[in-house]
Amino acid sequence: LDWQLWEKLSKKKHSEFVYCSKPLMGHRIHEESETSAVIDDN
């Protein structure tokens, strides 16, 4: 659902994606996370 939103916003004529390449947040990878759960889902 996040990627789908980026796709919608990427098409807008008057829009901007502002990207700071500095790693300013930490994404935790662990077995109980929703990310792991949906990857296991076919």
All heavy atoms as atom14 arrays in JSON, in Angstrom:
{
  "sequence": "LDWQLWEKLSKKKHSEFVYCSKPLMGHRIHEESETSAVIDDN",
  "atom14_mask": [
    [1, 1, 1, 1, 1, 1, 1, 1, 0, 0, 0, 0, 0, 0],
    [1, 1, 1, 1, 1, 1, 1, 1, 0, 0, 0, 0, 0, 0],
    [1, 1, 1, 1, 1, 1, 1, 1, 1, 1, 1, 1, 1, 1],
    [1, 1, 1, 1, 1, 1, 1, 1, 1, 0, 0, 0, 0, 0],
    [1, 1, 1, 1, 1, 1, 1, 1, 0, 0, 0, 0, 0, 0],
    [1, 1, 1, 1, 1, 1, 1, 1, 1, 1, 1, 1, 1, 1],
    [1, 1, 1, 1, 1, 1, 1, 1, 1, 0, 0, 0, 0, 0],
    [1, 1, 1, 1, 1, 1, 1, 1, 1, 0, 0, 0, 0, 0],
    [1, 1, 1, 1, 1, 1, 1, 1, 0, 0, 0, 0, 0, 0],
    [1, 1, 1, 1, 1, 1, 0, 0, 0, 0, 0, 0, 0, 0],
    [1, 1, 1, 1, 1, 1, 1, 1, 1, 0, 0, 0, 0, 0],
    [1, 1, 1, 1, 1, 1, 1, 1, 1, 0, 0, 0, 0, 0],
    [1, 1, 1, 1, 1, 1, 1, 1, 1, 0, 0, 0, 0, 0],
    [1, 1, 1, 1, 1, 1, 1, 1, 1, 1, 0, 0, 0, 0],
    [1, 1, 1, 1, 1, 1, 0, 0, 0, 0, 0, 0, 0, 0],
    [1, 1, 1, 1, 1, 1, 1, 1, 1, 0, 0, 0, 0, 0],
    [1, 1, 1, 1, 1, 1, 1, 1, 1, 1, 1, 0, 0, 0],
    [1, 1, 1, 1, 1, 1, 1, 0, 0, 0, 0, 0, 0, 0],
    [1, 1, 1, 1, 1, 1, 1, 1, 1, 1, 1, 1, 0, 0],
    [1, 1, 1, 1, 1, 1, 0, 0, 0, 0, 0, 0, 0, 0],
    [1, 1, 1, 1, 1, 1, 0, 0, 0, 0, 0, 0, 0, 0],
    [1, 1, 1, 1, 1, 1, 1, 1, 1, 0, 0, 0, 0, 0],
    [1, 1, 1, 1, 1, 1, 1, 0, 0, 0, 0, 0, 0, 0],
    [1, 1, 1, 1, 1, 1, 1, 1, 0, 0, 0, 0, 0, 0],
    [1, 1, 1, 1, 1, 1, 1, 1, 0, 0, 0, 0, 0, 0],
    [1, 1, 1, 1, 0, 0, 0, 0, 0, 0, 0, 0, 0, 0],
    [1, 1, 1, 1, 1, 1, 1, 1, 1, 1, 0, 0, 0, 0],
    [1, 1, 1, 1, 1, 1, 1, 1, 1, 1, 1, 0, 0, 0],
    [1, 1, 1, 1, 1, 1, 1, 1, 0, 0, 0, 0, 0, 0],
    [1, 1, 1, 1, 1, 1, 1, 1, 1, 1, 0, 0, 0, 0],
    [1, 1, 1, 1, 1, 1, 1, 1, 1, 0, 0, 0, 0, 0],
    [1, 1, 1, 1, 1, 1, 1, 1, 1, 0, 0, 0, 0, 0],
    [1, 1, 1, 1, 1, 1, 0, 0, 0, 0, 0, 0, 0, 0],
    [1, 1, 1, 1, 1, 1, 1, 1, 1, 0, 0, 0, 0, 0],
    [1, 1, 1, 1, 1, 1, 1, 0, 0, 0, 0, 0, 0, 0],
    [1, 1, 1, 1, 1, 1, 0, 0, 0, 0, 0, 0, 0, 0],
    [1, 1, 1, 1, 1, 0, 0, 0, 0, 0, 0, 0, 0, 0],
    [1, 1, 1, 1, 1, 1, 1, 0, 0, 0, 0, 0, 0, 0],
    [1, 1, 1, 1, 1, 1, 1, 1, 0, 0, 0, 0, 0, 0],
    [1, 1, 1, 1, 1, 1, 1, 1, 0, 0, 0, 0, 0, 0],
    [1, 1, 1, 1, 1, 1, 1, 1, 0, 0, 0, 0, 0, 0],
    [1, 1, 1, 1, 1, 1, 1, 1, 0, 0, 0, 0, 0, 0]
  ],
  "atom14_positions": [
    [[0.82, -1.21, 0.0], [0.0, 0.0, 0.0], [0.85, 1.26, 0.0], [0.43, 2.31, -0.51], [-0.97, 0.02, 1.17], [-0.46, -0.07, 2.61], [-1.61, 0.27, 3.57], [0.01, -1.47, 2.96], [0.0, 0.0, 0.0], [0.0, 0.0, 0.0], [0.0, 0.0, 0.0], [0.0, 0.0, 0.0], [0.0, 0.0, 0.0], [0.0, 0.0, 0.0]],
    [[2.07, 1.2, 0.56], [2.95, 2.36, 0.51], [3.49, 2.56, -0.91], [3.45, 3.67, -1.45], [4.1, 2.23, 1.51], [4.9, 0.94, 1.37], [4.4, -0.03, 0.76], [6.04, 0.9, 1.87], [0.0, 0.0, 0.0], [0.0, 0.0, 0.0], [0.0, 0.0, 0.0], [0.0, 0.0, 0.0], [0.0, 0.0, 0.0], [0.0, 0.0, 0.0]],
    [[3.98, 1.49, -1.53], [4.49, 1.56, -2.9], [3.42, 2.03, -3.86], [3.68, 2.82, -4.77], [5.0, 0.18, -3.27], [5.78, 0.05, -4.54], [6.26, 1.06, -5.33], [6.16, -1.17, -5.17], [6.91, 0.54, -6.41], [6.88, -0.84, -6.34], [5.97, -2.52, -4.85], [7.4, -1.8, -7.21], [6.49, -3.48, -5.7], [7.21, -3.13, -6.86]],
    [[2.18, 1.58, -3.65], [1.07, 2.03, -4.49], [0.87, 3.54, -4.36], [0.61, 4.23, -5.36], [-0.21, 1.29, -4.09], [-1.41, 1.61, -4.97], [-2.66, 0.91, -4.49], [-2.98, 0.92, -3.31], [-3.39, 0.28, -5.4], [0.0, 0.0, 0.0], [0.0, 0.0, 0.0], [0.0, 0.0, 0.0], [0.0, 0.0, 0.0], [0.0, 0.0, 0.0]],
    [[1.02, 4.07, -3.15], [0.89, 5.51, -2.97], [2.02, 6.25, -3.68], [1.78, 7.27, -4.34], [0.9, 5.86, -1.48], [0.89, 7.35, -1.14], [-0.36, 8.05, -1.71], [0.97, 7.57, 0.38], [0.0, 0.0, 0.0], [0.0, 0.0, 0.0], [0.0, 0.0, 0.0], [0.0, 0.0, 0.0], [0.0, 0.0, 0.0], [0.0, 0.0, 0.0]],
    [[3.26, 5.72, -3.57], [4.38, 6.39, -4.26], [4.1, 6.44, -5.77], [4.38, 7.44, -6.43], [5.7, 5.68, -4.04], [6.07, 5.17, -2.68], [6.86, 4.09, -2.41], [5.73, 5.7, -1.39], [7.01, 3.89, -1.06], [6.33, 4.88, -0.4], [4.96, 6.78, -0.96], [6.19, 5.08, 0.97], [4.8, 7.01, 0.4], [5.41, 6.18, 1.35]],
    [[3.54, 5.33, -6.3], [3.25, 5.28, -7.73], [2.24, 6.35, -8.12], [2.4, 7.05, -9.13], [2.74, 3.89, -8.1], [2.68, 3.61, -9.6], [1.43, 4.14, -10.28], [0.39, 4.26, -9.6], [1.49, 4.45, -11.48], [0.0, 0.0, 0.0], [0.0, 0.0, 0.0], [0.0, 0.0, 0.0], [0.0, 0.0, 0.0], [0.0, 0.0, 0.0]],
    [[1.21, 6.51, -7.32], [0.2, 7.55, -7.6], [0.82, 8.94, -7.56], [0.57, 9.78, -8.43], [-0.94, 7.46, -6.58], [-1.85, 6.26, -6.74], [-2.93, 6.27, -5.67], [-3.86, 5.08, -5.79], [-4.87, 5.05, -4.7], [0.0, 0.0, 0.0], [0.0, 0.0, 0.0], [0.0, 0.0, 0.0], [0.0, 0.0, 0.0], [0.0, 0.0, 0.0]],
    [[1.64, 9.18, -6.55], [2.26, 10.5, -6.41], [3.29, 10.77, -7.51], [3.49, 11.91, -7.91], [2.92, 10.62, -5.03], [1.98, 10.55, -3.82], [2.78, 10.56, -2.53], [0.98, 11.7, -3.84], [0.0, 0.0, 0.0], [0.0, 0.0, 0.0], [0.0, 0.0, 0.0], [0.0, 0.0, 0.0], [0.0, 0.0, 0.0], [0.0, 0.0, 0.0]],
    [[3.94, 9.7, -7.97], [4.97, 9.88, -9.01], [4.38, 10.39, -10.31], [5.08, 10.97, -11.13], [5.7, 8.56, -9.25], [4.9, 7.64, -9.96], [0.0, 0.0, 0.0], [0.0, 0.0, 0.0], [0.0, 0.0, 0.0], [0.0, 0.0, 0.0], [0.0, 0.0, 0.0], [0.0, 0.0, 0.0], [0.0, 0.0, 0.0], [0.0, 0.0, 0.0]],
    [[3.06, 10.17, -10.53], [2.42, 10.58, -11.78], [1.92, 12.02, -11.74], [1.58, 12.58, -12.78], [1.24, 9.64, -12.08], [1.65, 8.23, -12.41], [0.47, 7.37, -12.86], [-0.53, 7.15, -11.76], [-1.56, 6.14, -12.12], [0.0, 0.0, 0.0], [0.0, 0.0, 0.0], [0.0, 0.0, 0.0], [0.0, 0.0, 0.0], [0.0, 0.0, 0.0]],
    [[1.82, 12.58, -10.54], [1.28, 13.94, -10.43], [2.18, 14.94, -11.14], [3.4, 14.89, -11.02], [1.12, 14.31, -8.95], [0.02, 13.57, -8.23], [-0.08, 14.01, -6.77], [-0.46, 15.47, -6.64], [-0.63, 15.88, -5.23], [0.0, 0.0, 0.0], [0.0, 0.0, 0.0], [0.0, 0.0, 0.0], [0.0, 0.0, 0.0], [0.0, 0.0, 0.0]],
    [[1.56, 15.86, -11.84], [2.32, 16.84, -12.61], [3.09, 17.78, -11.69], [4.28, 18.04, -11.89], [1.38, 17.64, -13.52], [2.09, 18.61, -14.44], [1.11, 19.27, -15.4], [1.85, 20.22, -16.34], [0.91, 20.89, -17.28], [0.0, 0.0, 0.0], [0.0, 0.0, 0.0], [0.0, 0.0, 0.0], [0.0, 0.0, 0.0], [0.0, 0.0, 0.0]],
    [[2.42, 18.3, -10.71], [3.06, 19.24, -9.78], [3.29, 18.52, -8.45], [2.43, 18.51, -7.57], [2.21, 20.49, -9.6], [1.97, 21.23, -10.88], [2.97, 21.9, -11.54], [0.84, 21.38, -11.63], [2.47, 22.45, -12.64], [1.19, 22.15, -12.71], [0.0, 0.0, 0.0], [0.0, 0.0, 0.0], [0.0, 0.0, 0.0], [0.0, 0.0, 0.0]],
    [[4.44, 17.91, -8.33], [4.76, 17.15, -7.14], [6.27, 17.06, -7.01], [7.01, 17.44, -7.92], [4.14, 15.75, -7.23], [4.42, 15.0, -6.07], [0.0, 0.0, 0.0], [0.0, 0.0, 0.0], [0.0, 0.0, 0.0], [0.0, 0.0, 0.0], [0.0, 0.0, 0.0], [0.0, 0.0, 0.0], [0.0, 0.0, 0.0], [0.0, 0.0, 0.0]],
    [[6.71, 16.58, -5.88], [8.15, 16.41, -5.68], [8.41, 15.34, -4.62], [7.73, 15.3, -3.59], [8.8, 17.74, -5.25], [10.31, 17.66, -5.11], [10.95, 19.0, -4.77], [10.23, 20.03, -4.75], [12.17, 19.02, -4.53], [0.0, 0.0, 0.0], [0.0, 0.0, 0.0], [0.0, 0.0, 0.0], [0.0, 0.0, 0.0], [0.0, 0.0, 0.0]],
    [[9.36, 14.47, -4.91], [9.89, 13.54, -3.93], [11.19, 14.15, -3.4], [12.11, 14.4, -4.18], [10.21, 12.18, -4.55], [9.02, 11.33, -4.87], [7.72, 11.8, -4.71], [9.19, 10.05, -5.36], [6.62, 11.01, -5.02], [8.1, 9.24, -5.66], [6.82, 9.72, -5.5], [0.0, 0.0, 0.0], [0.0, 0.0, 0.0], [0.0, 0.0, 0.0]],
    [[11.26, 14.37, -2.11], [12.46, 14.97, -1.51], [13.22, 13.87, -0.78], [12.72, 13.3, 0.19], [12.07, 16.1, -0.53], [13.31, 16.69, 0.1], [11.27, 17.17, -1.26], [0.0, 0.0, 0.0], [0.0, 0.0, 0.0], [0.0, 0.0, 0.0], [0.0, 0.0, 0.0], [0.0, 0.0, 0.0], [0.0, 0.0, 0.0], [0.0, 0.0, 0.0]],
    [[14.42, 13.6, -1.24], [15.2, 12.47, -0.73], [16.47, 12.93, -0.05], [17.27, 13.65, -0.63], [15.54, 11.53, -1.89], [16.5, 10.41, -1.58], [16.36, 9.63, -0.43], [17.54, 10.11, -2.45], [17.24, 8.59, -0.15], [18.41, 9.07, -2.19], [18.26, 8.32, -1.04], [19.13, 7.29, -0.78], [0.0, 0.0, 0.0], [0.0, 0.0, 0.0]],
    [[16.64, 12.51, 1.2], [17.88, 12.73, 1.94], [18.54, 11.36, 2.08], [17.99, 10.47, 2.72], [17.6, 13.33, 3.32], [19.05, 13.38, 4.4], [0.0, 0.0, 0.0], [0.0, 0.0, 0.0], [0.0, 0.0, 0.0], [0.0, 0.0, 0.0], [0.0, 0.0, 0.0], [0.0, 0.0, 0.0], [0.0, 0.0, 0.0], [0.0, 0.0, 0.0]],
    [[19.71, 11.18, 1.49], [20.34, 9.86, 1.45], [20.97, 9.45, 2.77], [21.35, 8.28, 2.93], [21.4, 9.83, 0.34], [22.41, 10.79, 0.58], [0.0, 0.0, 0.0], [0.0, 0.0, 0.0], [0.0, 0.0, 0.0], [0.0, 0.0, 0.0], [0.0, 0.0, 0.0], [0.0, 0.0, 0.0], [0.0, 0.0, 0.0], [0.0, 0.0, 0.0]],
    [[21.08, 10.36, 3.73], [21.66, 10.0, 5.02], [20.77, 8.96, 5.72], [19.55, 9.1, 5.74], [21.77, 11.23, 5.92], [22.74, 12.28, 5.43], [22.76, 13.48, 6.37], [23.7, 14.57, 5.87], [23.68, 15.76, 6.78], [0.0, 0.0, 0.0], [0.0, 0.0, 0.0], [0.0, 0.0, 0.0], [0.0, 0.0, 0.0], [0.0, 0.0, 0.0]],
    [[21.36, 7.92, 6.3], [20.56, 6.9, 7.0], [20.12, 7.41, 8.38], [20.82, 7.24, 9.37], [21.52, 5.71, 7.12], [22.88, 6.32, 7.12], [22.79, 7.57, 6.27], [0.0, 0.0, 0.0], [0.0, 0.0, 0.0], [0.0, 0.0, 0.0], [0.0, 0.0, 0.0], [0.0, 0.0, 0.0], [0.0, 0.0, 0.0], [0.0, 0.0, 0.0]],
    [[18.94, 8.04, 8.43], [18.5, 8.72, 9.64], [17.43, 7.94, 10.43], [16.86, 8.47, 11.37], [17.97, 10.12, 9.31], [19.02, 11.09, 8.75], [18.38, 12.44, 8.46], [20.18, 11.26, 9.71], [0.0, 0.0, 0.0], [0.0, 0.0, 0.0], [0.0, 0.0, 0.0], [0.0, 0.0, 0.0], [0.0, 0.0, 0.0], [0.0, 0.0, 0.0]],
    [[17.18, 6.72, 10.02], [16.29, 5.88, 10.82], [16.7, 4.42, 10.68], [17.35, 4.04, 9.7], [14.81, 6.09, 10.48], [14.35, 5.81, 9.08], [13.91, 4.07, 8.78], [12.79, 3.74, 10.12], [0.0, 0.0, 0.0], [0.0, 0.0, 0.0], [0.0, 0.0, 0.0], [0.0, 0.0, 0.0], [0.0, 0.0, 0.0], [0.0, 0.0, 0.0]],
    [[16.34, 3.64, 11.68], [16.7, 2.23, 11.69], [15.48, 1.35, 11.56], [14.53, 1.45, 12.36], [0.0, 0.0, 0.0], [0.0, 0.0, 0.0], [0.0, 0.0, 0.0], [0.0, 0.0, 0.0], [0.0, 0.0, 0.0], [0.0, 0.0, 0.0], [0.0, 0.0, 0.0], [0.0, 0.0, 0.0], [0.0, 0.0, 0.0], [0.0, 0.0, 0.0]],
    [[15.48, 0.5, 10.55], [14.37, -0.43, 10.29], [14.74, -1.8, 10.86], [15.73, -2.4, 10.43], [14.12, -0.51, 8.79], [13.03, -1.45, 8.41], [11.77, -1.42, 8.98], [12.99, -2.47, 7.5], [11.02, -2.36, 8.45], [11.74, -3.01, 7.55], [0.0, 0.0, 0.0], [0.0, 0.0, 0.0], [0.0, 0.0, 0.0], [0.0, 0.0, 0.0]],
    [[13.96, -2.25, 11.81], [14.28, -3.5, 12.49], [13.76, -4.7, 11.69], [12.59, -4.75, 11.33], [13.67, -3.51, 13.9], [14.23, -4.6, 14.81], [13.58, -4.54, 16.18], [13.71, -3.25, 16.82], [14.76, -2.88, 17.55], [15.77, -3.72, 17.73], [14.79, -1.67, 18.11], [0.0, 0.0, 0.0], [0.0, 0.0, 0.0], [0.0, 0.0, 0.0]],
    [[14.64, -5.66, 11.45], [14.29, -6.9, 10.77], [14.21, -8.0, 11.82], [15.21, -8.34, 12.46], [15.33, -7.28, 9.7], [15.61, -6.1, 8.75], [14.89, -8.51, 8.93], [14.44, -5.68, 7.91], [0.0, 0.0, 0.0], [0.0, 0.0, 0.0], [0.0, 0.0, 0.0], [0.0, 0.0, 0.0], [0.0, 0.0, 0.0], [0.0, 0.0, 0.0]],
    [[13.02, -8.53, 12.02], [12.88, -9.62, 12.99], [11.68, -10.48, 12.6], [10.82, -10.07, 11.82], [12.75, -9.09, 14.42], [11.5, -8.28, 14.67], [10.38, -8.8, 15.27], [11.2, -6.99, 14.37], [9.46, -7.85, 15.36], [9.92, -6.75, 14.82], [0.0, 0.0, 0.0], [0.0, 0.0, 0.0], [0.0, 0.0, 0.0], [0.0, 0.0, 0.0]],
    [[11.61, -11.67, 13.13], [10.63, -12.66, 12.69], [9.19, -12.29, 13.01], [8.27, -12.78, 12.37], [10.97, -14.02, 13.31], [12.28, -14.6, 12.78], [12.64, -15.9, 13.46], [12.0, -16.24, 14.47], [13.58, -16.57, 12.98], [0.0, 0.0, 0.0], [0.0, 0.0, 0.0], [0.0, 0.0, 0.0], [0.0, 0.0, 0.0], [0.0, 0.0, 0.0]],
    [[8.99, -11.41, 14.01], [7.63, -11.05, 14.41], [7.1, -9.84, 13.65], [5.95, -9.45, 13.84], [7.6, -10.75, 15.91], [8.03, -11.93, 16.78], [8.22, -11.53, 18.23], [7.83, -10.4, 18.59], [8.76, -12.33, 18.99], [0.0, 0.0, 0.0], [0.0, 0.0, 0.0], [0.0, 0.0, 0.0], [0.0, 0.0, 0.0], [0.0, 0.0, 0.0]],
    [[7.92, -9.25, 12.8], [7.52, -8.02, 12.13], [6.49, -8.3, 11.05], [6.39, -9.4, 10.5], [8.73, -7.33, 11.5], [9.18, -8.06, 10.38], [0.0, 0.0, 0.0], [0.0, 0.0, 0.0], [0.0, 0.0, 0.0], [0.0, 0.0, 0.0], [0.0, 0.0, 0.0], [0.0, 0.0, 0.0], [0.0, 0.0, 0.0], [0.0, 0.0, 0.0]],
    [[5.72, -7.27, 10.71], [4.7, -7.4, 9.66], [5.38, -7.62, 8.32], [4.86, -8.34, 7.45], [3.84, -6.13, 9.61], [2.71, -6.19, 8.61], [1.69, -7.28, 8.9], [1.62, -7.75, 10.05], [0.98, -7.68, 7.96], [0.0, 0.0, 0.0], [0.0, 0.0, 0.0], [0.0, 0.0, 0.0], [0.0, 0.0, 0.0], [0.0, 0.0, 0.0]],
    [[6.58, -7.04, 8.11], [7.3, -7.24, 6.86], [7.6, -8.71, 6.65], [7.37, -9.27, 5.57], [8.63, -6.46, 6.87], [8.34, -5.07, 7.02], [9.39, -6.66, 5.57], [0.0, 0.0, 0.0], [0.0, 0.0, 0.0], [0.0, 0.0, 0.0], [0.0, 0.0, 0.0], [0.0, 0.0, 0.0], [0.0, 0.0, 0.0], [0.0, 0.0, 0.0]],
    [[8.09, -9.38, 7.69], [8.38, -10.81, 7.58], [7.11, -11.61, 7.33], [7.1, -12.56, 6.55], [9.08, -11.31, 8.85], [10.35, -10.7, 9.0], [0.0, 0.0, 0.0], [0.0, 0.0, 0.0], [0.0, 0.0, 0.0], [0.0, 0.0, 0.0], [0.0, 0.0, 0.0], [0.0, 0.0, 0.0], [0.0, 0.0, 0.0], [0.0, 0.0, 0.0]],
    [[6.03, -11.2, 7.97], [4.77, -11.94, 7.83], [4.23, -11.87, 6.4], [3.81, -12.88, 5.84], [3.73, -11.38, 8.8], [0.0, 0.0, 0.0], [0.0, 0.0, 0.0], [0.0, 0.0, 0.0], [0.0, 0.0, 0.0], [0.0, 0.0, 0.0], [0.0, 0.0, 0.0], [0.0, 0.0, 0.0], [0.0, 0.0, 0.0], [0.0, 0.0, 0.0]],
    [[4.27, -10.71, 5.79], [3.7, -10.59, 4.45], [4.6, -11.21, 3.4], [4.13, -11.65, 2.35], [3.4, -9.11, 4.08], [2.34, -8.54, 4.99], [4.65, -8.25, 4.11], [0.0, 0.0, 0.0], [0.0, 0.0, 0.0], [0.0, 0.0, 0.0], [0.0, 0.0, 0.0], [0.0, 0.0, 0.0], [0.0, 0.0, 0.0], [0.0, 0.0, 0.0]],
    [[5.92, -11.28, 3.66], [6.81, -11.95, 2.73], [6.51, -13.44, 2.7], [6.6, -14.1, 1.67], [8.29, -11.68, 3.08], [8.63, -10.22, 2.76], [9.23, -12.61, 2.32], [9.99, -9.79, 3.23], [0.0, 0.0, 0.0], [0.0, 0.0, 0.0], [0.0, 0.0, 0.0], [0.0, 0.0, 0.0], [0.0, 0.0, 0.0], [0.0, 0.0, 0.0]],
    [[6.14, -14.0, 3.86], [5.78, -15.41, 3.93], [4.43, -15.7, 3.27], [4.12, -16.83, 2.95], [5.72, -15.87, 5.4], [7.12, -16.06, 5.97], [8.05, -16.32, 5.19], [7.28, -15.95, 7.2], [0.0, 0.0, 0.0], [0.0, 0.0, 0.0], [0.0, 0.0, 0.0], [0.0, 0.0, 0.0], [0.0, 0.0, 0.0], [0.0, 0.0, 0.0]],
    [[3.64, -14.65, 3.07], [2.32, -14.8, 2.47], [2.47, -14.87, 0.95], [3.06, -14.0, 0.32], [1.46, -13.58, 2.86], [0.01, -13.75, 2.48], [-0.28, -14.53, 1.56], [-0.83, -13.08, 3.11], [0.0, 0.0, 0.0], [0.0, 0.0, 0.0], [0.0, 0.0, 0.0], [0.0, 0.0, 0.0], [0.0, 0.0, 0.0], [0.0, 0.0, 0.0]],
    [[1.9, -15.89, 0.33], [2.02, -16.06, -1.12], [1.4, -14.92, -1.91], [1.69, -14.73, -3.09], [1.38, -17.39, -1.54], [2.16, -18.58, -1.04], [3.37, -18.5, -0.87], [1.47, -19.69, -0.81], [0.0, 0.0, 0.0], [0.0, 0.0, 0.0], [0.0, 0.0, 0.0], [0.0, 0.0, 0.0], [0.0, 0.0, 0.0], [0.0, 0.0, 0.0]]
  ]
}
